[in-house]
């Protein structure tokens, strides 16, 4: 079974779909991080060296966002962003259907 088929089958379960949609922010951030690292032409080991850490820490950081098992600190995300030549921006955006 191909990834797309497996994903479609899994997301047909309402509980799985709800959990998946609940992680949208993490998946978006992970895609942005990977894109930035690739655009910078850096390996995980090179990012780690720039951050003053070891490659397995970067592997854990990147995988934690897709697993939802750990939320990295803003300071860690800032260091990652700087290591790949980016600037971290965090903002609050009014959600749909909620009055403030």
Protein backbone atom coordinates (compact mmCIF):
# COMPACT_ATOMS: atom_id res chain seq x y z
CA UNK A 1 0.00 0.00 0.00
CA UNK A 2 1.35 3.42 -0.96
CA UNK A 3 1.71 6.23 1.59
CA UNK A 4 -1.14 8.26 0.07
CA UNK A 5 -3.49 5.26 0.20
CA UNK A 6 -2.54 4.46 3.79
CA UNK A 7 -3.01 8.10 4.81
CA UNK A 8 -6.43 8.28 3.14
CA UNK A 9 -7.53 5.07 4.85
CA UNK A 10 -6.27 6.21 8.26
CA UNK A 11 -7.88 9.64 7.95
CA UNK A 12 -11.25 8.07 7.18
CA UNK A 13 -11.42 7.23 10.91
CA UNK A 14 -12.92 10.30 12.66
CA UNK A 15 -10.69 9.89 15.73
CA UNK A 16 -7.53 9.68 13.63
CA UNK A 17 -8.66 12.66 11.54
CA UNK A 18 -9.29 14.73 14.66
CA UNK A 19 -5.86 13.91 16.10
CA UNK A 20 -4.21 14.64 12.74
CA UNK A 21 -5.94 18.00 12.42
CA UNK A 22 -4.94 18.82 15.99
CA UNK A 23 -1.28 18.55 14.97
CA UNK A 24 -1.55 20.86 11.95
CA UNK A 25 0.62 23.54 13.57
CA UNK A 26 3.39 21.04 14.37
CA UNK A 27 3.31 19.55 10.85
CA UNK A 28 3.45 23.03 9.30
CA UNK A 29 6.39 24.03 11.48
CA UNK A 30 8.24 20.79 10.70
CA UNK A 31 7.77 21.29 6.95
CA UNK A 32 9.10 24.84 7.28
CA UNK A 33 12.11 23.70 9.31
CA UNK A 34 13.01 20.92 6.87
CA UNK A 35 12.56 23.25 3.90
CA UNK A 36 14.81 25.88 5.52
CA UNK A 37 17.49 23.31 6.38
CA UNK A 38 17.42 21.89 2.86
CA UNK A 39 17.47 25.36 1.28
CA UNK A 40 20.51 26.18 3.42
CA UNK A 41 22.11 22.96 2.15
CA UNK A 42 22.76 21.72 5.67
CA UNK A 43 22.71 18.25 7.18
CA UNK A 44 21.37 17.62 10.66
CA UNK A 45 24.97 17.29 11.84
CA UNK A 46 25.86 20.70 10.40
CA UNK A 47 22.82 22.32 12.05
CA UNK A 48 23.80 20.63 15.31
CA UNK A 49 27.34 22.00 15.10
CA UNK A 50 26.00 25.51 14.50
CA UNK A 51 23.69 25.12 17.50
CA UNK A 52 26.45 23.73 19.71
CA UNK A 53 24.82 20.33 20.11
CA UNK A 54 25.02 16.82 18.63
CA UNK A 55 23.27 15.49 15.51
CA UNK A 56 20.94 13.14 17.47
CA UNK A 57 19.49 16.21 19.21
CA UNK A 58 18.47 17.63 15.83
CA UNK A 59 17.00 14.29 14.80
CA UNK A 60 14.96 14.27 18.03
CA UNK A 61 13.91 17.89 17.50
CA UNK A 62 12.71 17.32 13.96
CA UNK A 63 11.01 14.01 14.76
CA UNK A 64 9.37 15.37 17.92
CA UNK A 65 7.26 17.71 15.84
CA UNK A 66 5.81 14.89 13.78
CA UNK A 67 5.24 12.60 16.75
CA UNK A 68 3.72 15.18 19.09
CA UNK A 69 5.69 13.64 21.96
CA UNK A 70 7.66 16.77 22.79
CA UNK A 71 7.21 20.50 22.30
CA UNK A 72 10.53 22.24 21.78
CA UNK A 73 11.10 25.53 23.56
CA UNK A 74 10.97 28.82 21.70
CA UNK A 75 14.66 29.25 22.56
CA UNK A 76 15.49 25.95 20.83
CA UNK A 77 13.43 26.89 17.77
CA UNK A 78 15.20 30.27 17.70
CA UNK A 79 18.62 28.62 17.75
CA UNK A 80 17.54 26.21 14.98
CA UNK A 81 16.24 29.12 12.87
CA UNK A 82 19.50 31.03 13.28
CA UNK A 83 21.52 27.90 12.44
CA UNK A 84 19.72 27.57 9.08
CA UNK A 85 19.96 31.29 8.33
CA UNK A 86 16.39 32.20 9.24
CA UNK A 87 14.52 34.29 11.75
CA UNK A 88 11.88 32.74 14.01
CA UNK A 89 8.60 34.63 14.05
CA UNK A 90 5.79 33.71 16.42
CA UNK A 91 2.40 35.37 16.16
CA UNK A 92 -1.14 34.96 17.36
CA UNK A 93 -3.83 34.94 14.69
CA UNK A 94 -7.54 35.20 15.38
CA UNK A 95 -9.05 31.76 14.90
CA UNK A 96 -12.06 31.18 12.71
CA UNK A 97 -15.41 31.30 14.47
CA UNK A 98 -14.14 32.69 17.77
CA UNK A 99 -14.92 36.17 18.98
CA UNK A 100 -12.33 37.86 21.15
